Amino acid sequence: METTLNGPRASAAVEESGWRYLLGGLHAAVPVGSMARAAEVATLAVAACGDDADRHLAVDLRPGRVLLTLRSAGHAAVTTLDVELAHRVSAAVAGLGLRTGPEIATGAPRSLQLLEIGIDALDIAAIRPFWKALLGYADEPGPDGPGAALVAPLGQGPAVWFQQMDAPRPQRNRVHFDLCVPHDEALRRSTPR
């Protein structure tokens, strides 16, 4: 039976394997030297997840790295099965002499990160359909309703979520960016250089 995990529990369960919890999912990168090697890593990750790959694993291949995400589609959250799958994928990748990791302090151009766009609104139900149609986005799997996030159908763009306002604030911007980075990267990002 799958049990959903909160961020701290999910993080603690996978951190040693090089995975990081970001915005309801487990994320890791595998540096590779070619697209052929990236495809090999992706094939191994899918095989390690077995029949659960379709409901839990997302893979983004690039010539220099493979980005892996684990999240239960049915729960729209990280579950105990996702943690187990993360360990299986890490073991399979290690069999190739490679490693899953967050790319922190590895000389990578940036570590794993996710961007969301937040929109403050007095009447979310009135503006949400406009943004959904304009962006061509879909409802995020899981809880629905006017407060549910909108996501890019192929997962290629930032999620858009809506924050309820209690009163008009004409002097403030009503659209903001939320950048999520691994907990062990946050301090480095916030320290001026």
N, C-alpha and C. Protein backbone atom coordinates (compact mmCIF):
# COMPACT_ATOMS: atom_id res chain seq x y z
N MET A 1 0.84 -1.19 0.00
CA MET A 1 0.00 0.00 0.00
C MET A 1 0.88 1.25 0.00
N GLU A 2 0.57 2.17 -0.90
CA GLU A 2 1.33 3.42 -0.98
C GLU A 2 0.85 4.40 0.08
N THR A 3 1.81 5.02 0.74
CA THR A 3 1.51 6.07 1.71
C THR A 3 2.13 7.35 1.19
N THR A 4 1.38 8.46 1.22
CA THR A 4 1.96 9.73 0.77
C THR A 4 2.91 10.25 1.85
N LEU A 5 3.94 10.93 1.41
CA LEU A 5 4.97 11.46 2.30
C LEU A 5 5.02 12.98 2.17
N ASN A 6 5.23 13.66 3.30
CA ASN A 6 5.43 15.11 3.24
C ASN A 6 6.87 15.38 2.79
N GLY A 7 7.17 16.64 2.51
CA GLY A 7 8.48 17.02 2.00
C GLY A 7 9.65 16.58 2.85
N PRO A 8 9.64 16.85 4.17
CA PRO A 8 10.78 16.45 5.00
C PRO A 8 10.99 14.93 5.03
N ARG A 9 9.91 14.16 5.12
CA ARG A 9 10.07 12.69 5.15
C ARG A 9 10.57 12.17 3.81
N ALA A 10 10.02 12.71 2.72
CA ALA A 10 10.47 12.28 1.39
C ALA A 10 11.93 12.64 1.18
N SER A 11 12.32 13.85 1.57
CA SER A 11 13.72 14.29 1.42
C SER A 11 14.66 13.38 2.18
N ALA A 12 14.33 13.11 3.43
CA ALA A 12 15.20 12.27 4.26
C ALA A 12 15.34 10.87 3.69
N ALA A 13 14.28 10.36 3.07
CA ALA A 13 14.29 9.00 2.56
C ALA A 13 15.15 8.81 1.31
N VAL A 14 15.41 9.90 0.56
CA VAL A 14 16.13 9.74 -0.71
C VAL A 14 17.40 10.56 -0.84
N GLU A 15 17.67 11.41 0.12
CA GLU A 15 18.80 12.34 -0.01
C GLU A 15 20.13 11.62 -0.24
N GLU A 16 20.36 10.54 0.45
CA GLU A 16 21.63 9.81 0.30
C GLU A 16 21.78 9.18 -1.08
N SER A 17 20.67 8.99 -1.77
CA SER A 17 20.72 8.43 -3.14
C SER A 17 20.88 9.51 -4.19
N GLY A 18 20.97 10.78 -3.76
CA GLY A 18 21.17 11.86 -4.71
C GLY A 18 19.90 12.50 -5.22
N TRP A 19 18.76 12.09 -4.73
CA TRP A 19 17.49 12.67 -5.15
C TRP A 19 17.15 13.83 -4.23
N ARG A 20 16.32 14.76 -4.73
CA ARG A 20 15.84 15.87 -3.92
C ARG A 20 14.34 16.03 -4.12
N TYR A 21 13.66 16.41 -3.05
CA TYR A 21 12.23 16.68 -3.09
C TYR A 21 12.01 18.13 -3.51
N LEU A 22 11.26 18.33 -4.59
CA LEU A 22 10.91 19.68 -5.07
C LEU A 22 9.45 19.66 -5.51
N LEU A 23 8.64 20.53 -4.93
CA LEU A 23 7.26 20.74 -5.35
C LEU A 23 6.48 19.44 -5.60
N GLY A 24 6.46 18.57 -4.62
CA GLY A 24 5.65 17.37 -4.72
C GLY A 24 6.20 16.25 -5.55
N GLY A 25 7.49 16.29 -5.87
CA GLY A 25 8.11 15.22 -6.65
C GLY A 25 9.54 14.98 -6.21
N LEU A 26 10.06 13.81 -6.53
CA LEU A 26 11.47 13.50 -6.29
C LEU A 26 12.21 13.72 -7.60
N HIS A 27 13.33 14.44 -7.54
CA HIS A 27 14.06 14.81 -8.75
C HIS A 27 15.54 14.45 -8.62
N ALA A 28 16.12 14.00 -9.72
CA ALA A 28 17.56 13.71 -9.78
C ALA A 28 18.03 13.92 -11.20
N ALA A 29 19.31 14.18 -11.34
CA ALA A 29 19.93 14.32 -12.65
C ALA A 29 21.06 13.29 -12.75
N VAL A 30 21.29 12.81 -13.94
CA VAL A 30 22.40 11.89 -14.22
C VAL A 30 23.22 12.52 -15.33
N PRO A 31 24.42 13.02 -15.02
CA PRO A 31 25.28 13.57 -16.08
C PRO A 31 25.72 12.46 -17.03
N VAL A 32 25.62 12.74 -18.34
CA VAL A 32 26.02 11.78 -19.36
C VAL A 32 26.81 12.54 -20.43
N GLY A 33 27.48 11.81 -21.30
CA GLY A 33 28.30 12.45 -22.31
C GLY A 33 27.69 12.49 -23.69
N SER A 34 26.55 11.85 -23.88
CA SER A 34 25.96 11.82 -25.22
C SER A 34 24.48 11.49 -25.13
N MET A 35 23.78 11.74 -26.21
CA MET A 35 22.36 11.40 -26.27
C MET A 35 22.17 9.89 -26.22
N ALA A 36 23.09 9.14 -26.82
CA ALA A 36 23.00 7.68 -26.78
C ALA A 36 23.10 7.18 -25.34
N ARG A 37 24.01 7.77 -24.57
CA ARG A 37 24.16 7.38 -23.15
C ARG A 37 22.92 7.81 -22.37
N ALA A 38 22.35 8.96 -22.71
CA ALA A 38 21.13 9.42 -22.05
C ALA A 38 19.99 8.44 -22.29
N ALA A 39 19.87 7.94 -23.52
CA ALA A 39 18.83 6.97 -23.83
C ALA A 39 19.04 5.67 -23.06
N GLU A 40 20.31 5.28 -22.90
CA GLU A 40 20.62 4.07 -22.13
C GLU A 40 20.19 4.24 -20.67
N VAL A 41 20.47 5.41 -20.09
CA VAL A 41 20.07 5.68 -18.71
C VAL A 41 18.55 5.68 -18.59
N ALA A 42 17.87 6.30 -19.54
CA ALA A 42 16.41 6.34 -19.51
C ALA A 42 15.82 4.94 -19.58
N THR A 43 16.37 4.10 -20.45
CA THR A 43 15.89 2.72 -20.57
C THR A 43 16.08 1.97 -19.27
N LEU A 44 17.23 2.17 -18.63
CA LEU A 44 17.48 1.52 -17.33
C LEU A 44 16.50 2.01 -16.26
N ALA A 45 16.23 3.30 -16.24
CA ALA A 45 15.31 3.86 -15.25
C ALA A 45 13.91 3.27 -15.42
N VAL A 46 13.46 3.18 -16.67
CA VAL A 46 12.14 2.61 -16.94
C VAL A 46 12.11 1.15 -16.51
N ALA A 47 13.14 0.40 -16.83
CA ALA A 47 13.21 -1.01 -16.45
C ALA A 47 13.24 -1.17 -14.93
N ALA A 48 13.96 -0.29 -14.24
CA ALA A 48 14.03 -0.37 -12.77
C ALA A 48 12.67 -0.11 -12.14
N CYS A 49 11.86 0.72 -12.77
CA CYS A 49 10.51 1.01 -12.24
C CYS A 49 9.49 -0.04 -12.65
N GLY A 50 9.80 -0.81 -13.68
CA GLY A 50 8.90 -1.87 -14.12
C GLY A 50 7.53 -1.33 -14.50
N ASP A 51 6.49 -2.07 -14.09
CA ASP A 51 5.11 -1.70 -14.42
C ASP A 51 4.68 -0.37 -13.81
N ASP A 52 5.42 0.11 -12.81
CA ASP A 52 5.07 1.37 -12.15
C ASP A 52 5.60 2.60 -12.90
N ALA A 53 6.41 2.40 -13.93
CA ALA A 53 7.01 3.54 -14.65
C ALA A 53 5.96 4.49 -15.19
N ASP A 54 4.91 3.96 -15.81
CA ASP A 54 3.92 4.83 -16.44
C ASP A 54 3.19 5.73 -15.46
N ARG A 55 3.01 5.29 -14.23
CA ARG A 55 2.27 6.06 -13.24
C ARG A 55 3.16 6.88 -12.31
N HIS A 56 4.49 6.73 -12.43
CA HIS A 56 5.36 7.39 -11.47
C HIS A 56 6.56 8.12 -12.08
N LEU A 57 7.10 7.66 -13.19
CA LEU A 57 8.38 8.16 -13.69
C LEU A 57 8.20 9.11 -14.87
N ALA A 58 8.92 10.22 -14.83
CA ALA A 58 9.05 11.11 -15.99
C ALA A 58 10.53 11.27 -16.27
N VAL A 59 10.90 11.24 -17.55
CA VAL A 59 12.30 11.31 -17.95
C VAL A 59 12.46 12.38 -19.02
N ASP A 60 13.47 13.24 -18.84
CA ASP A 60 13.79 14.28 -19.82
C ASP A 60 15.23 14.04 -20.24
N LEU A 61 15.43 13.73 -21.52
CA LEU A 61 16.77 13.43 -22.04
C LEU A 61 17.38 14.65 -22.70
N ARG A 62 18.64 14.89 -22.38
CA ARG A 62 19.43 15.95 -22.99
C ARG A 62 20.79 15.34 -23.33
N PRO A 63 21.56 15.92 -24.25
CA PRO A 63 22.87 15.35 -24.57
C PRO A 63 23.82 15.31 -23.37
N GLY A 64 23.66 16.20 -22.42
CA GLY A 64 24.58 16.23 -21.29
C GLY A 64 24.05 15.64 -20.00
N ARG A 65 22.72 15.41 -19.94
CA ARG A 65 22.16 14.89 -18.70
C ARG A 65 20.78 14.30 -18.92
N VAL A 66 20.40 13.44 -18.00
CA VAL A 66 19.06 12.89 -17.96
C VAL A 66 18.42 13.41 -16.68
N LEU A 67 17.24 14.01 -16.79
CA LEU A 67 16.52 14.50 -15.63
C LEU A 67 15.41 13.50 -15.32
N LEU A 68 15.39 13.05 -14.07
CA LEU A 68 14.43 12.04 -13.64
C LEU A 68 13.49 12.63 -12.59
N THR A 69 12.21 12.31 -12.70
CA THR A 69 11.22 12.75 -11.72
C THR A 69 10.35 11.56 -11.35
N LEU A 70 10.13 11.41 -10.05
CA LEU A 70 9.22 10.38 -9.55
C LEU A 70 8.12 11.06 -8.74
N ARG A 71 6.88 10.71 -9.09
CA ARG A 71 5.71 11.26 -8.39
C ARG A 71 4.53 10.39 -8.74
N SER A 72 3.73 10.04 -7.76
CA SER A 72 2.57 9.21 -8.00
C SER A 72 1.49 10.01 -8.73
N ALA A 73 1.13 9.58 -9.92
CA ALA A 73 0.07 10.26 -10.67
C ALA A 73 -1.26 10.13 -9.94
N GLY A 74 -1.50 9.00 -9.32
CA GLY A 74 -2.76 8.77 -8.62
C GLY A 74 -2.94 9.61 -7.37
N HIS A 75 -1.84 9.91 -6.71
CA HIS A 75 -1.91 10.70 -5.47
C HIS A 75 -1.49 12.15 -5.67
N ALA A 76 -0.92 12.47 -6.83
CA ALA A 76 -0.37 13.81 -7.11
C ALA A 76 0.56 14.22 -5.98
N ALA A 77 1.38 13.27 -5.53
CA ALA A 77 2.30 13.49 -4.41
C ALA A 77 3.36 12.41 -4.43
N VAL A 78 4.35 12.55 -3.57
CA VAL A 78 5.37 11.51 -3.41
C VAL A 78 4.83 10.47 -2.43
N THR A 79 5.05 9.22 -2.80
CA THR A 79 4.60 8.11 -1.95
C THR A 79 5.78 7.23 -1.56
N THR A 80 5.51 6.28 -0.69
CA THR A 80 6.54 5.33 -0.29
C THR A 80 7.03 4.52 -1.50
N LEU A 81 6.15 4.27 -2.46
CA LEU A 81 6.58 3.56 -3.67
C LEU A 81 7.55 4.42 -4.48
N ASP A 82 7.34 5.72 -4.54
CA ASP A 82 8.27 6.60 -5.26
C ASP A 82 9.66 6.54 -4.63
N VAL A 83 9.71 6.48 -3.31
CA VAL A 83 11.00 6.37 -2.62
C VAL A 83 11.68 5.05 -3.00
N GLU A 84 10.91 3.98 -2.99
CA GLU A 84 11.47 2.68 -3.38
C GLU A 84 11.97 2.71 -4.82
N LEU A 85 11.19 3.32 -5.71
CA LEU A 85 11.60 3.41 -7.11
C LEU A 85 12.86 4.26 -7.27
N ALA A 86 12.98 5.33 -6.49
CA ALA A 86 14.19 6.17 -6.55
C ALA A 86 15.42 5.35 -6.21
N HIS A 87 15.33 4.52 -5.18
CA HIS A 87 16.47 3.68 -4.80
C HIS A 87 16.78 2.65 -5.89
N ARG A 88 15.74 2.09 -6.50
CA ARG A 88 15.96 1.12 -7.58
C ARG A 88 16.64 1.78 -8.77
N VAL A 89 16.17 2.97 -9.14
CA VAL A 89 16.76 3.68 -10.29
C VAL A 89 18.21 4.04 -9.99
N SER A 90 18.48 4.53 -8.79
CA SER A 90 19.86 4.88 -8.43
C SER A 90 20.77 3.67 -8.51
N ALA A 91 20.31 2.52 -8.04
CA ALA A 91 21.11 1.29 -8.11
C ALA A 91 21.37 0.89 -9.56
N ALA A 92 20.35 1.00 -10.41
CA ALA A 92 20.52 0.65 -11.82
C ALA A 92 21.52 1.57 -12.50
N VAL A 93 21.42 2.87 -12.22
CA VAL A 93 22.34 3.86 -12.80
C VAL A 93 23.76 3.61 -12.30
N ALA A 94 23.90 3.25 -11.03
CA ALA A 94 25.23 2.94 -10.47
C ALA A 94 25.86 1.76 -11.20
N GLY A 95 25.03 0.84 -11.69
CA GLY A 95 25.54 -0.30 -12.45
C GLY A 95 26.23 0.12 -13.74
N LEU A 96 25.93 1.33 -14.22
CA LEU A 96 26.61 1.87 -15.41
C LEU A 96 27.83 2.70 -15.04
N GLY A 97 28.10 2.78 -13.74
CA GLY A 97 29.21 3.62 -13.28
C GLY A 97 28.83 5.09 -13.20
N LEU A 98 27.52 5.38 -13.21
CA LEU A 98 27.02 6.75 -13.13
C LEU A 98 26.30 6.96 -11.80
N ARG A 99 25.90 8.21 -11.55
CA ARG A 99 25.27 8.55 -10.28
C ARG A 99 24.07 9.45 -10.47
N THR A 100 23.05 9.24 -9.63
CA THR A 100 21.94 10.18 -9.56
C THR A 100 22.33 11.26 -8.56
N GLY A 101 21.99 12.51 -8.88
CA GLY A 101 22.33 13.59 -7.97
C GLY A 101 21.60 14.87 -8.30
N PRO A 102 21.69 15.85 -7.41
CA PRO A 102 21.02 17.13 -7.65
C PRO A 102 21.89 18.13 -8.40
N GLU A 103 23.10 17.77 -8.76
CA GLU A 103 24.06 18.63 -9.45
C GLU A 103 24.46 19.85 -8.63
N ILE A 104 24.49 19.71 -7.34
CA ILE A 104 24.91 20.80 -6.46
C ILE A 104 26.42 20.77 -6.33
N ALA A 105 27.05 21.93 -6.55
CA ALA A 105 28.50 22.07 -6.39
C ALA A 105 29.28 21.07 -7.23
N THR A 106 28.76 20.74 -8.41
CA THR A 106 29.45 19.80 -9.29
C THR A 106 30.01 20.49 -10.51
N GLY A 107 29.93 21.80 -10.53
CA GLY A 107 30.38 22.53 -11.70
C GLY A 107 29.29 22.64 -12.75
N ALA A 108 28.11 22.11 -12.46
CA ALA A 108 26.99 22.21 -13.39
C ALA A 108 26.55 23.67 -13.48
N PRO A 109 25.98 24.08 -14.60
CA PRO A 109 25.55 25.47 -14.74
C PRO A 109 24.51 25.86 -13.69
N ARG A 110 23.72 24.93 -13.24
CA ARG A 110 22.76 25.18 -12.16
C ARG A 110 22.32 23.84 -11.61
N SER A 111 21.82 23.87 -10.40
CA SER A 111 21.31 22.64 -9.82
C SER A 111 19.87 22.42 -10.29
N LEU A 112 19.31 21.31 -9.90
CA LEU A 112 17.90 21.07 -10.18
C LEU A 112 17.09 22.22 -9.63
N GLN A 113 16.10 22.65 -10.35
CA GLN A 113 15.21 23.71 -9.86
C GLN A 113 13.90 23.61 -10.61
N LEU A 114 12.85 24.11 -9.99
CA LEU A 114 11.55 24.18 -10.63
C LEU A 114 10.99 25.58 -10.48
N LEU A 115 10.34 26.06 -11.51
CA LEU A 115 9.75 27.38 -11.49
C LEU A 115 8.24 27.25 -11.59
N GLU A 116 7.53 28.01 -10.75
CA GLU A 116 6.09 28.13 -10.83
C GLU A 116 5.75 29.61 -10.97
N ILE A 117 4.61 29.90 -11.53
CA ILE A 117 4.12 31.27 -11.62
C ILE A 117 2.88 31.37 -10.75
N GLY A 118 2.91 32.30 -9.81
CA GLY A 118 1.77 32.52 -8.92
C GLY A 118 1.01 33.76 -9.36
N ILE A 119 -0.31 33.66 -9.37
CA ILE A 119 -1.16 34.78 -9.75
C ILE A 119 -2.11 35.06 -8.59
N ASP A 120 -2.02 36.26 -8.03
CA ASP A 120 -2.93 36.67 -6.96
C ASP A 120 -4.25 37.10 -7.58
N ALA A 121 -5.37 36.70 -6.97
CA ALA A 121 -6.67 37.04 -7.54
C ALA A 121 -7.74 37.14 -6.46
N LEU A 122 -8.67 38.05 -6.68
CA LEU A 122 -9.83 38.15 -5.79
C LEU A 122 -10.86 37.08 -6.13
N ASP A 123 -11.01 36.77 -7.43
CA ASP A 123 -11.99 35.79 -7.88
C ASP A 123 -11.28 34.77 -8.77
N ILE A 124 -10.69 33.78 -8.15
CA ILE A 124 -9.91 32.77 -8.88
C ILE A 124 -10.77 32.05 -9.91
N ALA A 125 -11.98 31.68 -9.53
CA ALA A 125 -12.85 30.94 -10.45
C ALA A 125 -13.14 31.75 -11.72
N ALA A 126 -13.11 33.08 -11.63
CA ALA A 126 -13.39 33.90 -12.80
C ALA A 126 -12.19 34.03 -13.73
N ILE A 127 -10.96 34.04 -13.19
CA ILE A 127 -9.79 34.24 -14.06
C ILE A 127 -9.10 32.95 -14.47
N ARG A 128 -9.29 31.88 -13.72
CA ARG A 128 -8.60 30.62 -14.01
C ARG A 128 -8.88 30.11 -15.43
N PRO A 129 -10.14 30.13 -15.91
CA PRO A 129 -10.40 29.66 -17.28
C PRO A 129 -9.66 30.48 -18.34
N PHE A 130 -9.51 31.78 -18.12
CA PHE A 130 -8.77 32.62 -19.06
C PHE A 130 -7.33 32.14 -19.18
N TRP A 131 -6.65 31.96 -18.04
CA TRP A 131 -5.25 31.53 -18.06
C TRP A 131 -5.11 30.12 -18.62
N LYS A 132 -6.05 29.27 -18.32
CA LYS A 132 -6.01 27.89 -18.84
C LYS A 132 -6.09 27.91 -20.37
N ALA A 133 -7.02 28.70 -20.92
CA ALA A 133 -7.17 28.77 -22.38
C ALA A 133 -5.99 29.48 -23.03
N LEU A 134 -5.55 30.59 -22.46
CA LEU A 134 -4.45 31.36 -23.03
C LEU A 134 -3.18 30.54 -23.14
N LEU A 135 -2.84 29.82 -22.08
CA LEU A 135 -1.60 29.04 -22.05
C LEU A 135 -1.74 27.67 -22.70
N GLY A 136 -2.96 27.21 -22.92
CA GLY A 136 -3.16 25.85 -23.43
C GLY A 136 -2.79 24.81 -22.39
N TYR A 137 -2.95 25.17 -21.12
CA TYR A 137 -2.59 24.29 -20.00
C TYR A 137 -3.76 23.39 -19.62
N ALA A 138 -3.46 22.43 -18.76
CA ALA A 138 -4.46 21.48 -18.27
C ALA A 138 -4.50 21.54 -16.74
N ASP A 139 -5.53 20.97 -16.17
CA ASP A 139 -5.61 20.89 -14.72
C ASP A 139 -4.53 19.96 -14.19
N GLU A 140 -3.90 20.34 -13.10
CA GLU A 140 -2.91 19.47 -12.48
C GLU A 140 -3.61 18.24 -11.95
N PRO A 141 -3.03 17.04 -12.15
CA PRO A 141 -3.65 15.84 -11.59
C PRO A 141 -3.75 15.95 -10.08
N GLY A 142 -4.80 15.37 -9.53
CA GLY A 142 -4.97 15.39 -8.07
C GLY A 142 -6.15 16.24 -7.70
N PRO A 143 -6.02 16.97 -6.60
CA PRO A 143 -7.16 17.78 -6.14
C PRO A 143 -7.55 18.79 -7.20
N ASP A 144 -8.88 18.93 -7.40
CA ASP A 144 -9.31 19.90 -8.39
C ASP A 144 -10.07 21.02 -7.70
N GLY A 145 -10.56 21.92 -8.49
CA GLY A 145 -11.26 23.08 -7.95
C GLY A 145 -10.57 24.34 -8.41
N PRO A 146 -11.12 25.49 -8.04
CA PRO A 146 -10.57 26.74 -8.55
C PRO A 146 -9.14 27.02 -8.10
N GLY A 147 -8.71 26.47 -6.99
CA GLY A 147 -7.36 26.72 -6.50
C GLY A 147 -6.32 25.78 -7.06
N ALA A 148 -6.72 24.77 -7.82
CA ALA A 148 -5.77 23.79 -8.34
C ALA A 148 -4.87 24.44 -9.39
N ALA A 149 -3.63 24.00 -9.42
CA ALA A 149 -2.66 24.54 -10.37
C ALA A 149 -2.99 24.11 -11.79
N LEU A 150 -2.48 24.87 -12.72
CA LEU A 150 -2.53 24.53 -14.14
C LEU A 150 -1.14 24.11 -14.56
N VAL A 151 -1.04 23.10 -15.42
CA VAL A 151 0.27 22.60 -15.84
C VAL A 151 0.33 22.46 -17.36
N ALA A 152 1.54 22.58 -17.87
CA ALA A 152 1.77 22.38 -19.30
C ALA A 152 1.50 20.91 -19.63
N PRO A 153 0.72 20.62 -20.67
CA PRO A 153 0.37 19.24 -20.97
C PRO A 153 1.56 18.30 -21.10
N LEU A 154 2.67 18.78 -21.66
CA LEU A 154 3.85 17.94 -21.81
C LEU A 154 4.88 18.18 -20.71
N GLY A 155 4.53 18.96 -19.71
CA GLY A 155 5.44 19.21 -18.60
C GLY A 155 6.62 20.09 -18.95
N GLN A 156 6.54 20.84 -20.02
CA GLN A 156 7.68 21.64 -20.47
C GLN A 156 7.69 23.08 -19.96
N GLY A 157 6.61 23.52 -19.37
CA GLY A 157 6.55 24.90 -18.87
C GLY A 157 6.28 24.93 -17.38
N PRO A 158 6.40 26.10 -16.77
CA PRO A 158 6.15 26.20 -15.33
C PRO A 158 4.67 26.04 -15.01
N ALA A 159 4.38 25.46 -13.85
CA ALA A 159 3.00 25.38 -13.38
C ALA A 159 2.53 26.79 -13.03
N VAL A 160 1.24 27.02 -13.14
CA VAL A 160 0.63 28.29 -12.77
C VAL A 160 -0.37 27.98 -11.66
N TRP A 161 -0.23 28.71 -10.55
CA TRP A 161 -1.17 28.50 -9.44
C TRP A 161 -1.75 29.84 -9.02
N PHE A 162 -2.81 29.78 -8.28
CA PHE A 162 -3.57 30.99 -7.94
C PHE A 162 -3.62 31.16 -6.43
N GLN A 163 -3.33 32.37 -6.01
CA GLN A 163 -3.32 32.71 -4.58
C GLN A 163 -4.49 33.64 -4.29
N GLN A 164 -5.31 33.24 -3.35
CA GLN A 164 -6.49 34.02 -3.01
C GLN A 164 -6.09 35.33 -2.33
N MET A 165 -6.62 36.44 -2.85
CA MET A 165 -6.42 37.76 -2.24
C MET A 165 -7.66 38.07 -1.41
N ASP A 166 -7.47 38.76 -0.29
CA ASP A 166 -8.59 39.17 0.55
C ASP A 166 -9.13 40.54 0.16
N ALA A 167 -8.27 41.38 -0.37
CA ALA A 167 -8.65 42.75 -0.76
C ALA A 167 -7.79 43.18 -1.93
N PRO A 168 -8.27 44.11 -2.73
CA PRO A 168 -7.45 44.61 -3.86
C PRO A 168 -6.15 45.23 -3.36
N ARG A 169 -5.09 45.06 -4.14
CA ARG A 169 -3.79 45.67 -3.84
C ARG A 169 -3.27 46.30 -5.13
N PRO A 170 -3.81 47.45 -5.51
CA PRO A 170 -3.44 48.04 -6.81
C PRO A 170 -1.97 48.43 -6.90
N GLN A 171 -1.30 48.68 -5.81
CA GLN A 171 0.10 49.12 -5.86
C GLN A 171 1.08 47.94 -5.95
N ARG A 172 0.59 46.72 -5.90
CA ARG A 172 1.48 45.55 -5.94
C ARG A 172 1.25 44.74 -7.20
N ASN A 173 2.30 44.10 -7.66
CA ASN A 173 2.20 43.20 -8.79
C ASN A 173 1.42 41.96 -8.37
N ARG A 174 0.53 41.49 -9.21
CA ARG A 174 -0.28 40.34 -8.87
C ARG A 174 0.23 39.05 -9.50
N VAL A 175 1.35 39.10 -10.19
CA VAL A 175 1.97 37.90 -10.77
C VAL A 175 3.37 37.81 -10.20
N HIS A 176 3.75 36.63 -9.72
CA HIS A 176 5.09 36.47 -9.16
C HIS A 176 5.64 35.09 -9.51
N PHE A 177 6.95 35.00 -9.46
CA PHE A 177 7.65 33.74 -9.74
C PHE A 177 8.00 33.07 -8.42
N ASP A 178 7.82 31.76 -8.36
CA ASP A 178 8.26 30.96 -7.22
C ASP A 178 9.30 29.99 -7.74
N LEU A 179 10.52 30.12 -7.27
CA LEU A 179 11.60 29.23 -7.68
C LEU A 179 11.89 28.27 -6.54
N CYS A 180 11.84 26.99 -6.82
CA CYS A 180 12.10 25.97 -5.81
C CYS A 180 13.42 25.28 -6.14
N VAL A 181 14.33 25.28 -5.17
CA VAL A 181 15.63 24.62 -5.32
C VAL A 181 15.80 23.63 -4.18
N PRO A 182 16.70 22.67 -4.31
CA PRO A 182 16.94 21.74 -3.20
C PRO A 182 17.36 22.50 -1.93
N HIS A 183 16.97 21.95 -0.79
CA HIS A 183 17.25 22.61 0.49
C HIS A 183 18.74 22.90 0.69
N ASP A 184 19.60 22.02 0.19
CA ASP A 184 21.03 22.22 0.39
C ASP A 184 21.64 23.14 -0.67
N GLU A 185 20.83 23.66 -1.56
CA GLU A 185 21.26 24.64 -2.54
C GLU A 185 20.79 26.04 -2.18
N ALA A 186 19.75 26.13 -1.36
CA ALA A 186 19.10 27.42 -1.07
C ALA A 186 20.06 28.44 -0.49
N LEU A 187 20.91 28.07 0.46
CA LEU A 187 21.81 29.02 1.09
C LEU A 187 22.80 29.60 0.08
N ARG A 188 23.36 28.75 -0.78
CA ARG A 188 24.30 29.21 -1.79
C ARG A 188 23.63 30.20 -2.73
N ARG A 189 22.36 29.96 -3.06
CA ARG A 189 21.64 30.84 -3.98
C ARG A 189 21.32 32.18 -3.34
N SER A 190 21.15 32.19 -2.02
CA SER A 190 20.72 33.43 -1.36
C SER A 190 21.89 34.29 -0.88
N THR A 191 23.11 33.77 -0.96
CA THR A 191 24.29 34.52 -0.51
C THR A 191 24.85 35.32 -1.67
N PRO A 192 24.96 36.66 -1.51
CA PRO A 192 25.53 37.47 -2.61
C PRO A 192 26.97 37.08 -2.88
N ARG A 193 27.34 37.18 -4.15
CA ARG A 193 28.71 36.81 -4.52
C ARG A 193 29.50 38.02 -4.82
